[in-house]
Amino acid sequence: MRQIVTFLVLGMAVISIAHSGDYSAEVDSSRATAREFMQTLKQELLAGMQDGGPVNAISVCNLSAPGIANTYSVRNGWDVGRTSLKVRNPANAPDTWERSVLESFEERRRAGEDPAKMEHYEVIRQDGISELRYMKAIPTARLCLACHGEQIDSTARERLEILYPNDQALGYKIGDIRGAFSISQPLDTAGK
């Protein structure tokens, strides 16, 4: 059953791409951007944790993460960000397409797939514009637990309550899907 589910989920992306043309270069550039975003954010979070523990890491996510996403968005002319089924920042709430992909990631995880390897992409047409939509799952690592886990330091919890009064991004365990990097690339469909 797991193989069938995985095939169907992956097959949908391949069919969508196959009918739209060859976008392997765009997919590769999305992968590279998601990887850069992940590495940059991780470095900032590690530095924040070393400089002031979880409270400082919360400030990194609050202030630095949107700036990092904006840097990649401006550099590439794309929409680059993070989203989750349990958001901390309401500005990161998933759109309908992202929610569907995040739900499929959860199904794939329950079927035994490693979240660190999960991605999904497809070409969609919206408002007369074709775009490549790409998502890369963010697995919950030990570093994440200080601010997203089941046991959060009281000082960190107070800071979270101030910054995010409607925080849903709590109670994660290592290996859970924390969310995903999400990238939308407008496409020039001429010749594809």
N, C-alpha and C. Protein backbone atom coordinates (compact mmCIF):
# COMPACT_ATOMS: atom_id res chain seq x y z
N MET A 1 0.83 -1.20 0.00
CA MET A 1 0.00 0.00 0.00
C MET A 1 0.87 1.25 0.00
N ARG A 2 1.94 1.26 0.84
CA ARG A 2 2.82 2.42 0.90
C ARG A 2 3.39 2.76 -0.47
N GLN A 3 3.80 1.74 -1.22
CA GLN A 3 4.36 1.98 -2.55
C GLN A 3 3.33 2.59 -3.48
N ILE A 4 2.09 2.14 -3.37
CA ILE A 4 1.04 2.68 -4.23
C ILE A 4 0.78 4.14 -3.88
N VAL A 5 0.68 4.44 -2.59
CA VAL A 5 0.44 5.83 -2.17
C VAL A 5 1.57 6.72 -2.64
N THR A 6 2.81 6.28 -2.42
CA THR A 6 3.97 7.06 -2.84
C THR A 6 3.95 7.25 -4.36
N PHE A 7 3.66 6.18 -5.09
CA PHE A 7 3.62 6.28 -6.54
C PHE A 7 2.55 7.27 -6.98
N LEU A 8 1.36 7.18 -6.36
CA LEU A 8 0.29 8.08 -6.76
C LEU A 8 0.64 9.53 -6.46
N VAL A 9 1.20 9.80 -5.29
CA VAL A 9 1.56 11.17 -4.94
C VAL A 9 2.64 11.68 -5.88
N LEU A 10 3.68 10.88 -6.08
CA LEU A 10 4.74 11.30 -6.98
C LEU A 10 4.25 11.34 -8.42
N GLY A 11 3.39 10.40 -8.78
CA GLY A 11 2.87 10.34 -10.13
C GLY A 11 2.07 11.57 -10.51
N MET A 12 1.33 12.13 -9.55
CA MET A 12 0.55 13.34 -9.84
C MET A 12 1.47 14.48 -10.25
N ALA A 13 2.58 14.63 -9.55
CA ALA A 13 3.52 15.70 -9.89
C ALA A 13 4.12 15.45 -11.26
N VAL A 14 4.49 14.20 -11.54
CA VAL A 14 5.11 13.88 -12.82
C VAL A 14 4.13 14.10 -13.96
N ILE A 15 2.89 13.66 -13.78
CA ILE A 15 1.88 13.83 -14.84
C ILE A 15 1.65 15.32 -15.09
N SER A 16 1.53 16.07 -14.03
CA SER A 16 1.31 17.51 -14.18
C SER A 16 2.47 18.15 -14.93
N ILE A 17 3.69 17.78 -14.59
CA ILE A 17 4.87 18.31 -15.26
C ILE A 17 4.91 17.83 -16.72
N ALA A 18 4.65 16.54 -16.91
CA ALA A 18 4.75 15.97 -18.26
C ALA A 18 3.80 16.67 -19.22
N HIS A 19 2.62 17.02 -18.77
CA HIS A 19 1.67 17.68 -19.65
C HIS A 19 2.02 19.14 -19.88
N SER A 20 2.87 19.69 -19.06
CA SER A 20 3.16 21.11 -19.14
C SER A 20 4.50 21.41 -19.78
N GLY A 21 5.35 20.43 -19.99
CA GLY A 21 6.66 20.65 -20.56
C GLY A 21 7.74 20.19 -19.59
N ASP A 22 8.97 20.40 -19.98
CA ASP A 22 10.09 19.98 -19.14
C ASP A 22 10.53 21.17 -18.28
N TYR A 23 10.33 21.04 -17.00
CA TYR A 23 10.68 22.10 -16.06
C TYR A 23 11.74 21.64 -15.07
N SER A 24 12.58 20.69 -15.49
CA SER A 24 13.58 20.15 -14.57
C SER A 24 14.55 21.22 -14.08
N ALA A 25 14.89 22.19 -14.91
CA ALA A 25 15.80 23.26 -14.47
C ALA A 25 15.13 24.12 -13.39
N GLU A 26 13.85 24.40 -13.57
CA GLU A 26 13.12 25.19 -12.58
C GLU A 26 12.97 24.43 -11.26
N VAL A 27 12.70 23.13 -11.36
CA VAL A 27 12.60 22.31 -10.15
C VAL A 27 13.94 22.29 -9.43
N ASP A 28 15.03 22.11 -10.19
CA ASP A 28 16.37 22.11 -9.57
C ASP A 28 16.68 23.43 -8.90
N SER A 29 16.28 24.54 -9.51
CA SER A 29 16.55 25.84 -8.89
C SER A 29 15.69 26.04 -7.65
N SER A 30 14.47 25.51 -7.65
CA SER A 30 13.63 25.56 -6.44
C SER A 30 14.26 24.73 -5.32
N ARG A 31 14.74 23.54 -5.66
CA ARG A 31 15.41 22.70 -4.66
C ARG A 31 16.60 23.44 -4.05
N ALA A 32 17.39 24.05 -4.91
CA ALA A 32 18.59 24.76 -4.45
C ALA A 32 18.20 25.93 -3.54
N THR A 33 17.16 26.65 -3.89
CA THR A 33 16.72 27.78 -3.08
C THR A 33 16.19 27.30 -1.73
N ALA A 34 15.40 26.24 -1.73
CA ALA A 34 14.90 25.69 -0.47
C ALA A 34 16.06 25.24 0.42
N ARG A 35 17.05 24.60 -0.18
CA ARG A 35 18.23 24.14 0.57
C ARG A 35 18.99 25.33 1.16
N GLU A 36 19.18 26.39 0.36
CA GLU A 36 19.86 27.60 0.85
C GLU A 36 19.08 28.23 1.99
N PHE A 37 17.77 28.35 1.81
CA PHE A 37 16.91 28.94 2.83
C PHE A 37 17.05 28.15 4.13
N MET A 38 16.96 26.81 4.02
CA MET A 38 17.07 25.94 5.18
C MET A 38 18.42 26.13 5.88
N GLN A 39 19.49 26.14 5.12
CA GLN A 39 20.83 26.29 5.71
C GLN A 39 21.01 27.66 6.36
N THR A 40 20.57 28.70 5.69
CA THR A 40 20.69 30.05 6.24
C THR A 40 19.90 30.19 7.53
N LEU A 41 18.66 29.72 7.52
CA LEU A 41 17.82 29.80 8.70
C LEU A 41 18.41 28.99 9.85
N LYS A 42 18.89 27.79 9.55
CA LYS A 42 19.49 26.94 10.59
C LYS A 42 20.70 27.63 11.22
N GLN A 43 21.56 28.23 10.39
CA GLN A 43 22.72 28.95 10.92
C GLN A 43 22.30 30.09 11.83
N GLU A 44 21.29 30.85 11.41
CA GLU A 44 20.79 31.97 12.21
C GLU A 44 20.21 31.46 13.53
N LEU A 45 19.46 30.35 13.48
CA LEU A 45 18.86 29.80 14.69
C LEU A 45 19.92 29.27 15.65
N LEU A 46 20.92 28.58 15.11
CA LEU A 46 22.01 28.08 15.97
C LEU A 46 22.74 29.24 16.64
N ALA A 47 23.02 30.28 15.88
CA ALA A 47 23.68 31.46 16.45
C ALA A 47 22.79 32.10 17.51
N GLY A 48 21.51 32.18 17.25
CA GLY A 48 20.57 32.75 18.21
C GLY A 48 20.52 31.93 19.49
N MET A 49 20.50 30.61 19.36
CA MET A 49 20.48 29.73 20.53
C MET A 49 21.76 29.90 21.35
N GLN A 50 22.90 30.02 20.67
CA GLN A 50 24.18 30.19 21.38
C GLN A 50 24.25 31.54 22.07
N ASP A 51 23.68 32.57 21.45
CA ASP A 51 23.75 33.92 22.00
C ASP A 51 22.75 34.18 23.13
N GLY A 52 21.64 33.45 23.16
CA GLY A 52 20.65 33.77 24.19
C GLY A 52 19.59 32.72 24.38
N GLY A 53 19.84 31.50 23.94
CA GLY A 53 18.89 30.42 24.16
C GLY A 53 17.62 30.55 23.33
N PRO A 54 16.58 29.81 23.74
CA PRO A 54 15.34 29.78 22.97
C PRO A 54 14.69 31.14 22.76
N VAL A 55 14.77 32.03 23.75
CA VAL A 55 14.14 33.34 23.60
C VAL A 55 14.77 34.09 22.43
N ASN A 56 16.08 34.01 22.31
CA ASN A 56 16.76 34.66 21.20
C ASN A 56 16.43 33.96 19.88
N ALA A 57 16.30 32.65 19.89
CA ALA A 57 15.94 31.91 18.67
C ALA A 57 14.54 32.32 18.19
N ILE A 58 13.64 32.58 19.14
CA ILE A 58 12.30 33.03 18.78
C ILE A 58 12.39 34.36 18.03
N SER A 59 13.27 35.24 18.50
CA SER A 59 13.45 36.52 17.81
C SER A 59 14.00 36.33 16.41
N VAL A 60 14.87 35.34 16.24
CA VAL A 60 15.41 35.04 14.91
C VAL A 60 14.25 34.67 13.98
N CYS A 61 13.39 33.76 14.43
CA CYS A 61 12.27 33.35 13.58
C CYS A 61 11.31 34.51 13.34
N ASN A 62 11.12 35.34 14.36
CA ASN A 62 10.19 36.46 14.24
C ASN A 62 10.70 37.54 13.31
N LEU A 63 11.99 37.86 13.41
CA LEU A 63 12.55 38.97 12.65
C LEU A 63 13.37 38.54 11.43
N SER A 64 14.21 37.54 11.60
CA SER A 64 15.15 37.17 10.52
C SER A 64 14.53 36.29 9.44
N ALA A 65 13.70 35.32 9.83
CA ALA A 65 13.16 34.38 8.85
C ALA A 65 12.38 35.08 7.74
N PRO A 66 11.50 36.04 8.05
CA PRO A 66 10.81 36.74 6.95
C PRO A 66 11.79 37.49 6.04
N GLY A 67 12.84 38.05 6.62
CA GLY A 67 13.85 38.74 5.83
C GLY A 67 14.61 37.81 4.91
N ILE A 68 14.91 36.62 5.43
CA ILE A 68 15.61 35.61 4.62
C ILE A 68 14.71 35.21 3.44
N ALA A 69 13.44 34.94 3.73
CA ALA A 69 12.49 34.58 2.65
C ALA A 69 12.39 35.71 1.62
N ASN A 70 12.33 36.95 2.10
CA ASN A 70 12.25 38.09 1.19
C ASN A 70 13.50 38.21 0.32
N THR A 71 14.66 37.95 0.90
CA THR A 71 15.91 38.00 0.13
C THR A 71 15.85 37.04 -1.06
N TYR A 72 15.41 35.81 -0.81
CA TYR A 72 15.33 34.82 -1.90
C TYR A 72 14.21 35.17 -2.88
N SER A 73 13.12 35.73 -2.38
CA SER A 73 12.02 36.14 -3.26
C SER A 73 12.48 37.23 -4.22
N VAL A 74 13.14 38.25 -3.68
CA VAL A 74 13.61 39.37 -4.50
C VAL A 74 14.70 38.91 -5.46
N ARG A 75 15.64 38.12 -4.96
CA ARG A 75 16.75 37.65 -5.79
C ARG A 75 16.25 36.89 -7.01
N ASN A 76 15.22 36.04 -6.81
CA ASN A 76 14.76 35.17 -7.90
C ASN A 76 13.51 35.67 -8.62
N GLY A 77 12.82 36.64 -8.04
CA GLY A 77 11.56 37.08 -8.62
C GLY A 77 10.44 36.07 -8.39
N TRP A 78 10.53 35.33 -7.28
CA TRP A 78 9.55 34.31 -6.93
C TRP A 78 8.91 34.66 -5.60
N ASP A 79 7.90 33.89 -5.22
CA ASP A 79 7.38 33.93 -3.85
C ASP A 79 8.05 32.78 -3.10
N VAL A 80 8.81 33.11 -2.07
CA VAL A 80 9.52 32.11 -1.27
C VAL A 80 9.10 32.29 0.18
N GLY A 81 8.74 31.21 0.82
CA GLY A 81 8.34 31.31 2.22
C GLY A 81 8.27 29.96 2.89
N ARG A 82 7.68 29.98 4.09
CA ARG A 82 7.45 28.77 4.87
C ARG A 82 5.98 28.74 5.25
N THR A 83 5.46 27.53 5.40
CA THR A 83 4.08 27.37 5.84
C THR A 83 3.97 26.08 6.64
N SER A 84 2.82 25.87 7.24
CA SER A 84 2.61 24.70 8.08
C SER A 84 1.11 24.48 8.27
N LEU A 85 0.75 23.27 8.67
CA LEU A 85 -0.63 23.02 9.05
C LEU A 85 -0.92 23.60 10.42
N LYS A 86 0.14 23.83 11.22
CA LYS A 86 0.01 24.44 12.55
C LYS A 86 0.93 25.67 12.57
N VAL A 87 0.41 26.80 12.15
CA VAL A 87 1.24 28.00 12.01
C VAL A 87 1.44 28.71 13.33
N ARG A 88 2.55 29.34 13.43
CA ARG A 88 2.84 30.24 14.55
C ARG A 88 2.46 31.65 14.13
N ASN A 89 2.92 32.04 12.96
CA ASN A 89 2.64 33.37 12.42
C ASN A 89 1.49 33.24 11.40
N PRO A 90 0.35 33.88 11.65
CA PRO A 90 -0.78 33.76 10.72
C PRO A 90 -0.45 34.19 9.29
N ALA A 91 0.56 35.03 9.12
CA ALA A 91 0.97 35.45 7.78
C ALA A 91 1.52 34.28 6.96
N ASN A 92 1.89 33.18 7.64
CA ASN A 92 2.44 32.01 6.97
C ASN A 92 1.39 30.91 6.74
N ALA A 93 0.12 31.22 6.93
CA ALA A 93 -0.93 30.22 6.75
C ALA A 93 -0.91 29.69 5.31
N PRO A 94 -1.14 28.39 5.15
CA PRO A 94 -1.09 27.81 3.80
C PRO A 94 -2.29 28.22 2.96
N ASP A 95 -2.04 28.39 1.66
CA ASP A 95 -3.17 28.55 0.74
C ASP A 95 -3.74 27.16 0.47
N THR A 96 -4.76 27.07 -0.35
CA THR A 96 -5.43 25.79 -0.60
C THR A 96 -4.47 24.76 -1.17
N TRP A 97 -3.65 25.15 -2.13
CA TRP A 97 -2.71 24.22 -2.74
C TRP A 97 -1.69 23.75 -1.71
N GLU A 98 -1.12 24.67 -0.94
CA GLU A 98 -0.13 24.32 0.07
C GLU A 98 -0.73 23.38 1.13
N ARG A 99 -1.96 23.67 1.56
CA ARG A 99 -2.61 22.82 2.55
C ARG A 99 -2.74 21.39 2.03
N SER A 100 -3.13 21.25 0.78
CA SER A 100 -3.27 19.93 0.17
C SER A 100 -1.94 19.19 0.15
N VAL A 101 -0.87 19.89 -0.20
CA VAL A 101 0.46 19.26 -0.23
C VAL A 101 0.90 18.89 1.18
N LEU A 102 0.71 19.78 2.14
CA LEU A 102 1.09 19.48 3.53
C LEU A 102 0.32 18.26 4.04
N GLU A 103 -0.95 18.16 3.71
CA GLU A 103 -1.73 16.99 4.12
C GLU A 103 -1.20 15.72 3.46
N SER A 104 -0.77 15.83 2.19
CA SER A 104 -0.20 14.65 1.53
C SER A 104 1.14 14.27 2.16
N PHE A 105 1.93 15.28 2.59
CA PHE A 105 3.18 14.99 3.30
C PHE A 105 2.88 14.19 4.58
N GLU A 106 1.84 14.59 5.30
CA GLU A 106 1.47 13.88 6.54
C GLU A 106 1.08 12.44 6.23
N GLU A 107 0.32 12.23 5.16
CA GLU A 107 -0.06 10.87 4.76
C GLU A 107 1.18 10.05 4.41
N ARG A 108 2.10 10.65 3.69
CA ARG A 108 3.33 9.96 3.30
C ARG A 108 4.18 9.61 4.53
N ARG A 109 4.22 10.52 5.52
CA ARG A 109 4.98 10.25 6.75
C ARG A 109 4.35 9.08 7.50
N ARG A 110 3.03 9.08 7.61
CA ARG A 110 2.34 7.98 8.29
C ARG A 110 2.57 6.65 7.57
N ALA A 111 2.77 6.71 6.26
CA ALA A 111 3.04 5.50 5.48
C ALA A 111 4.50 5.07 5.58
N GLY A 112 5.33 5.85 6.30
CA GLY A 112 6.71 5.45 6.54
C GLY A 112 7.77 6.20 5.78
N GLU A 113 7.39 7.16 4.96
CA GLU A 113 8.38 7.91 4.19
C GLU A 113 9.12 8.89 5.10
N ASP A 114 10.39 9.09 4.84
CA ASP A 114 11.24 10.00 5.60
C ASP A 114 10.90 11.45 5.22
N PRO A 115 10.44 12.28 6.20
CA PRO A 115 10.11 13.67 5.89
C PRO A 115 11.27 14.46 5.31
N ALA A 116 12.49 14.11 5.66
CA ALA A 116 13.66 14.85 5.15
C ALA A 116 13.78 14.73 3.63
N LYS A 117 13.15 13.73 3.04
CA LYS A 117 13.26 13.51 1.60
C LYS A 117 12.01 13.94 0.83
N MET A 118 11.02 14.44 1.55
CA MET A 118 9.75 14.77 0.91
C MET A 118 9.78 16.11 0.19
N GLU A 119 9.28 16.08 -1.02
CA GLU A 119 9.06 17.29 -1.80
C GLU A 119 7.87 17.04 -2.71
N HIS A 120 7.34 18.10 -3.24
CA HIS A 120 6.25 18.00 -4.21
C HIS A 120 6.35 19.22 -5.11
N TYR A 121 6.08 19.01 -6.39
CA TYR A 121 6.07 20.13 -7.33
C TYR A 121 5.09 19.83 -8.45
N GLU A 122 4.57 20.90 -8.99
CA GLU A 122 3.71 20.78 -10.16
C GLU A 122 3.54 22.15 -10.79
N VAL A 123 3.18 22.14 -12.04
CA VAL A 123 2.88 23.39 -12.75
C VAL A 123 1.38 23.59 -12.66
N ILE A 124 0.99 24.77 -12.20
CA ILE A 124 -0.43 25.10 -12.14
C ILE A 124 -0.66 26.39 -12.91
N ARG A 125 -1.89 26.60 -13.30
CA ARG A 125 -2.27 27.83 -13.99
C ARG A 125 -3.27 28.54 -13.10
N GLN A 126 -2.96 29.76 -12.74
CA GLN A 126 -3.80 30.54 -11.84
C GLN A 126 -3.86 31.98 -12.34
N ASP A 127 -5.04 32.49 -12.45
CA ASP A 127 -5.24 33.86 -12.93
C ASP A 127 -4.53 34.11 -14.26
N GLY A 128 -4.56 33.10 -15.14
CA GLY A 128 -3.97 33.22 -16.47
C GLY A 128 -2.45 33.11 -16.50
N ILE A 129 -1.84 32.79 -15.37
CA ILE A 129 -0.38 32.69 -15.29
C ILE A 129 0.00 31.28 -14.89
N SER A 130 0.95 30.70 -15.62
CA SER A 130 1.49 29.39 -15.24
C SER A 130 2.61 29.62 -14.25
N GLU A 131 2.63 28.76 -13.24
CA GLU A 131 3.72 28.85 -12.27
C GLU A 131 4.08 27.45 -11.80
N LEU A 132 5.36 27.30 -11.49
CA LEU A 132 5.84 26.07 -10.88
C LEU A 132 5.69 26.24 -9.38
N ARG A 133 4.95 25.34 -8.75
CA ARG A 133 4.79 25.36 -7.30
C ARG A 133 5.64 24.24 -6.75
N TYR A 134 6.43 24.54 -5.74
CA TYR A 134 7.37 23.58 -5.16
C TYR A 134 7.28 23.66 -3.64
N MET A 135 7.25 22.50 -3.00
CA MET A 135 7.32 22.46 -1.54
C MET A 135 8.29 21.39 -1.09
N LYS A 136 9.05 21.72 -0.06
CA LYS A 136 10.01 20.81 0.57
C LYS A 136 9.68 20.72 2.04
N ALA A 137 9.41 19.52 2.52
CA ALA A 137 9.03 19.33 3.92
C ALA A 137 10.17 19.74 4.86
N ILE A 138 9.79 20.27 6.02
CA ILE A 138 10.74 20.62 7.07
C ILE A 138 10.52 19.63 8.22
N PRO A 139 11.42 18.67 8.38
CA PRO A 139 11.27 17.74 9.50
C PRO A 139 11.65 18.41 10.81
N THR A 140 10.98 18.03 11.88
CA THR A 140 11.30 18.57 13.20
C THR A 140 12.59 17.93 13.68
N ALA A 141 13.57 18.78 13.96
CA ALA A 141 14.87 18.33 14.49
C ALA A 141 14.96 18.71 15.97
N ARG A 142 15.98 18.22 16.63
CA ARG A 142 16.18 18.52 18.05
C ARG A 142 16.19 20.03 18.30
N LEU A 143 16.84 20.79 17.45
CA LEU A 143 16.91 22.24 17.57
C LEU A 143 15.52 22.87 17.64
N CYS A 144 14.56 22.33 16.90
CA CYS A 144 13.21 22.88 16.83
C CYS A 144 12.44 22.73 18.14
N LEU A 145 12.78 21.70 18.91
CA LEU A 145 11.99 21.36 20.09
C LEU A 145 12.01 22.43 21.17
N ALA A 146 13.07 23.23 21.23
CA ALA A 146 13.16 24.27 22.26
C ALA A 146 12.03 25.28 22.14
N CYS A 147 11.52 25.47 20.93
CA CYS A 147 10.45 26.46 20.71
C CYS A 147 9.16 25.84 20.16
N HIS A 148 9.25 24.61 19.66
CA HIS A 148 8.08 23.97 19.04
C HIS A 148 7.71 22.65 19.69
N GLY A 149 8.45 22.21 20.69
CA GLY A 149 8.24 20.90 21.29
C GLY A 149 7.12 20.86 22.32
N GLU A 150 7.11 19.78 23.06
CA GLU A 150 6.09 19.57 24.09
C GLU A 150 6.46 20.27 25.40
N GLN A 151 7.75 20.40 25.68
CA GLN A 151 8.25 21.02 26.91
C GLN A 151 9.04 22.28 26.53
N ILE A 152 8.45 23.44 26.76
CA ILE A 152 9.10 24.70 26.39
C ILE A 152 9.39 25.49 27.65
N ASP A 153 10.59 26.01 27.73
CA ASP A 153 11.03 26.85 28.85
C ASP A 153 10.00 27.95 29.10
N SER A 154 9.74 28.27 30.37
CA SER A 154 8.70 29.25 30.71
C SER A 154 8.99 30.64 30.14
N THR A 155 10.26 31.04 30.11
CA THR A 155 10.62 32.34 29.54
C THR A 155 10.33 32.36 28.04
N ALA A 156 10.67 31.27 27.36
CA ALA A 156 10.39 31.17 25.93
C ALA A 156 8.89 31.16 25.69
N ARG A 157 8.15 30.45 26.51
CA ARG A 157 6.69 30.39 26.34
C ARG A 157 6.07 31.78 26.50
N GLU A 158 6.56 32.55 27.48
CA GLU A 158 6.05 33.91 27.68
C GLU A 158 6.32 34.77 26.44
N ARG A 159 7.50 34.64 25.88
CA ARG A 159 7.86 35.41 24.68
C ARG A 159 6.95 35.02 23.51
N LEU A 160 6.71 33.71 23.37
CA LEU A 160 5.82 33.23 22.30
C LEU A 160 4.41 33.79 22.47
N GLU A 161 3.92 33.81 23.69
CA GLU A 161 2.57 34.32 23.94
C GLU A 161 2.44 35.80 23.60
N ILE A 162 3.53 36.55 23.79
CA ILE A 162 3.52 37.98 23.43
C ILE A 162 3.54 38.15 21.92
N LEU A 163 4.45 37.45 21.25
CA LEU A 163 4.60 37.60 19.80
C LEU A 163 3.51 36.91 18.99
N TYR A 164 3.06 35.77 19.49
CA TYR A 164 2.11 34.93 18.73
C TYR A 164 0.98 34.46 19.65
N PRO A 165 0.02 35.32 19.95
CA PRO A 165 -1.04 34.95 20.89
C PRO A 165 -1.91 33.77 20.41
N ASN A 166 -1.94 33.50 19.13
CA ASN A 166 -2.73 32.39 18.60
C ASN A 166 -1.85 31.26 18.07
N ASP A 167 -0.69 31.08 18.68
CA ASP A 167 0.30 30.09 18.27
C ASP A 167 -0.30 28.68 18.24
N GLN A 168 -0.13 28.01 17.10
CA GLN A 168 -0.55 26.62 16.95
C GLN A 168 0.65 25.68 16.83
N ALA A 169 1.85 26.24 16.67
CA ALA A 169 3.04 25.47 16.30
C ALA A 169 3.76 24.89 17.51
N LEU A 170 3.02 24.12 18.30
CA LEU A 170 3.57 23.52 19.52
C LEU A 170 3.29 22.02 19.53
N GLY A 171 4.00 21.31 20.41
CA GLY A 171 3.74 19.89 20.61
C GLY A 171 4.40 18.96 19.62
N TYR A 172 5.37 19.44 18.88
CA TYR A 172 6.06 18.60 17.90
C TYR A 172 7.06 17.67 18.58
N LYS A 173 7.33 16.55 17.90
CA LYS A 173 8.36 15.59 18.31
C LYS A 173 9.35 15.44 17.16
N ILE A 174 10.54 14.96 17.47
CA ILE A 174 11.54 14.74 16.42
C ILE A 174 10.94 13.81 15.35
N GLY A 175 11.10 14.21 14.10
CA GLY A 175 10.60 13.43 12.98
C GLY A 175 9.24 13.87 12.47
N ASP A 176 8.51 14.67 13.28
CA ASP A 176 7.25 15.23 12.78
C ASP A 176 7.54 16.21 11.65
N ILE A 177 6.55 16.47 10.83
CA ILE A 177 6.69 17.48 9.78
C ILE A 177 6.32 18.82 10.40
N ARG A 178 7.31 19.66 10.57
CA ARG A 178 7.12 20.98 11.18
C ARG A 178 6.38 21.92 10.23
N GLY A 179 6.59 21.74 8.94
CA GLY A 179 5.99 22.57 7.91
C GLY A 179 6.72 22.31 6.61
N ALA A 180 6.80 23.34 5.77
CA ALA A 180 7.47 23.18 4.49
C ALA A 180 7.93 24.52 3.96
N PHE A 181 8.99 24.48 3.19
CA PHE A 181 9.39 25.64 2.40
C PHE A 181 8.51 25.61 1.17
N SER A 182 8.02 26.76 0.76
CA SER A 182 7.10 26.85 -0.37
C SER A 182 7.60 27.89 -1.35
N ILE A 183 7.67 27.49 -2.61
CA ILE A 183 8.19 28.39 -3.66
C ILE A 183 7.23 28.40 -4.84
N SER A 184 6.93 29.58 -5.33
CA SER A 184 6.12 29.74 -6.55
C SER A 184 6.94 30.52 -7.55
N GLN A 185 7.21 29.88 -8.69
CA GLN A 185 7.95 30.52 -9.77
C GLN A 185 7.02 30.82 -10.94
N PRO A 186 6.87 32.08 -11.32
CA PRO A 186 6.14 32.36 -12.56
C PRO A 186 6.93 31.78 -13.74
N LEU A 187 6.22 31.26 -14.72
CA LEU A 187 6.88 30.62 -15.85
C LEU A 187 6.59 31.35 -17.14
N ASP A 188 7.60 31.39 -18.01
CA ASP A 188 7.42 31.85 -19.38
C ASP A 188 7.08 30.61 -20.16
N THR A 189 5.83 30.42 -20.51
CA THR A 189 5.41 29.18 -21.16
C THR A 189 5.69 29.16 -22.65
N ALA A 190 6.20 30.24 -23.19
CA ALA A 190 6.51 30.25 -24.62
C ALA A 190 7.57 29.20 -24.91
N GLY A 191 7.25 28.28 -25.78
CA GLY A 191 8.21 27.27 -26.20
C GLY A 191 8.24 26.06 -25.28
N LYS A 192 7.40 26.02 -24.25
CA LYS A 192 7.42 24.82 -23.36
C LYS A 192 6.16 24.03 -23.54
